[in-house]
Amino acid sequence: MPPRGTRPTDKFDDDDYPAYTMGRAAEMLGASPAFLRALGDNRLITPLRSEGGHRRYSRYQLRIAARARELVDGGTKIEDACRIVILEDQLEEAQRINEELRAERSPAPPAA
């Protein structure tokens, strides 16, 4: 999934900064590296690569992966879980855009 919005100047505050190795990411999720590779194969997340070619994951990607893991743990096939998470993310973005557009179109409250 693509990064969202503007990037903070501090990498520690940047949810899109690829700070976690595959091993650490898998450990944090309680999953296997194969699970993370499967998420990539199903185009749910695309980790960045280090100069050495190793996968690196961001906090945002780990939250997405955690949601997919919840679905898989509940019995959903991984392919279906990935599609559900993608659709949830698209819906959330559409709702955010709709809210912004409504706010722009709303007349300003009368001055007191």
Protein backbone atom coordinates (compact mmCIF):
# COMPACT_ATOMS: atom_id res chain seq x y z
CA MET A 1 0.00 0.00 0.00
CA PRO A 2 1.34 3.44 -0.80
CA PRO A 3 2.44 5.87 1.89
CA ARG A 4 -0.15 8.34 3.13
CA GLY A 5 0.14 12.12 3.39
CA THR A 6 3.20 14.13 4.15
CA ARG A 7 6.22 12.64 5.82
CA PRO A 8 7.38 13.80 9.26
CA THR A 9 10.93 15.08 9.47
CA ASP A 10 11.85 12.67 12.28
CA LYS A 11 12.12 9.02 11.19
CA PHE A 12 11.04 7.89 14.66
CA ASP A 13 7.68 9.58 14.10
CA ASP A 14 7.27 8.41 10.50
CA ASP A 15 4.79 5.52 10.20
CA ASP A 16 6.02 4.92 6.65
CA TYR A 17 9.73 4.65 7.48
CA PRO A 18 10.89 1.06 6.76
CA ALA A 19 12.48 0.40 10.14
CA TYR A 20 11.81 -3.31 10.68
CA THR A 21 13.55 -6.32 9.17
CA MET A 22 11.48 -9.28 8.06
CA GLY A 23 12.54 -11.28 11.10
CA ARG A 24 11.64 -8.50 13.53
CA ALA A 25 8.37 -7.78 11.73
CA ALA A 26 7.39 -11.45 11.82
CA GLU A 27 8.26 -11.63 15.51
CA MET A 28 6.18 -8.55 16.30
CA LEU A 29 3.20 -10.03 14.45
CA GLY A 30 3.62 -13.50 15.90
CA ALA A 31 3.77 -14.77 12.33
CA SER A 32 6.30 -16.39 10.06
CA PRO A 33 8.39 -14.72 7.36
CA ALA A 34 6.40 -16.86 4.89
CA PHE A 35 3.23 -15.07 6.05
CA LEU A 36 4.81 -11.70 5.28
CA ARG A 37 5.98 -12.94 1.87
CA ALA A 38 2.43 -14.16 1.16
CA LEU A 39 1.08 -10.68 1.97
CA GLY A 40 3.54 -9.29 -0.56
CA ASP A 41 2.57 -11.92 -3.13
CA ASN A 42 -1.07 -10.88 -2.67
CA ARG A 43 -0.11 -7.19 -3.05
CA LEU A 44 -1.32 -6.17 0.37
CA ILE A 45 2.02 -4.67 1.38
CA THR A 46 5.18 -4.04 -0.59
CA PRO A 47 8.19 -3.76 1.69
CA LEU A 48 11.06 -1.55 0.70
CA ARG A 49 14.42 -3.18 0.17
CA SER A 50 17.65 -2.34 1.94
CA GLU A 51 20.82 -1.79 -0.10
CA GLY A 52 21.56 -5.48 0.50
CA GLY A 53 18.14 -6.48 -0.88
CA HIS A 54 16.53 -7.35 2.46
CA ARG A 55 12.86 -6.57 3.05
CA ARG A 56 12.13 -3.69 5.42
CA TYR A 57 8.68 -2.95 6.86
CA SER A 58 7.12 0.21 8.27
CA ARG A 59 4.81 0.54 11.26
CA TYR A 60 1.94 1.28 8.89
CA GLN A 61 2.64 -1.94 6.95
CA LEU A 62 2.78 -3.89 10.21
CA ARG A 63 -0.64 -2.56 11.24
CA ILE A 64 -2.02 -3.66 7.86
CA ALA A 65 -0.34 -7.07 8.25
CA ALA A 66 -1.74 -7.42 11.78
CA ARG A 67 -5.28 -6.85 10.47
CA ALA A 68 -4.74 -9.51 7.80
CA ARG A 69 -3.42 -11.88 10.47
CA GLU A 70 -6.58 -11.37 12.55
CA LEU A 71 -8.68 -12.39 9.57
CA VAL A 72 -6.50 -15.39 8.75
CA ASP A 73 -6.51 -16.50 12.39
CA GLY A 74 -10.31 -16.32 12.20
CA GLY A 75 -10.37 -18.77 9.29
CA THR A 76 -10.28 -16.45 6.28
CA LYS A 77 -8.05 -17.56 3.40
CA ILE A 78 -5.02 -15.31 3.06
CA GLU A 79 -6.01 -14.18 -0.44
CA ASP A 80 -9.44 -13.17 0.82
CA ALA A 81 -8.01 -11.52 3.94
CA CYS A 82 -5.74 -9.38 1.77
CA ARG A 83 -8.63 -8.30 -0.43
CA ILE A 84 -10.76 -7.45 2.62
CA VAL A 85 -7.99 -5.32 4.13
CA ILE A 86 -7.42 -3.52 0.82
CA LEU A 87 -11.14 -2.77 0.56
CA GLU A 88 -11.28 -1.59 4.19
CA ASP A 89 -8.37 0.76 3.51
CA GLN A 90 -10.01 2.10 0.33
CA LEU A 91 -13.30 2.65 2.18
CA GLU A 92 -11.55 4.52 4.99
CA GLU A 93 -9.80 6.77 2.46
CA ALA A 94 -13.06 7.43 0.57
CA GLN A 95 -14.83 8.33 3.81
CA ARG A 96 -12.01 10.72 4.74
CA ILE A 97 -12.21 12.42 1.33
CA ASN A 98 -16.01 12.68 1.57
CA GLU A 99 -15.72 14.27 4.99
CA GLU A 100 -13.20 16.82 3.70
CA LEU A 101 -15.42 17.67 0.72
CA ARG A 102 -18.46 18.12 2.97
CA ALA A 103 -16.49 20.42 5.23
CA GLU A 104 -15.40 22.52 2.22
CA ARG A 105 -18.98 22.83 0.95
CA SER A 106 -20.55 23.66 4.31
CA PRO A 107 -21.40 27.32 4.67
CA ALA A 108 -19.46 29.12 7.36
CA PRO A 109 -21.46 29.68 10.56
CA PRO A 110 -22.91 33.19 10.85
CA ALA A 111 -20.80 35.69 12.76
CA ALA A 112 -22.09 36.45 16.23
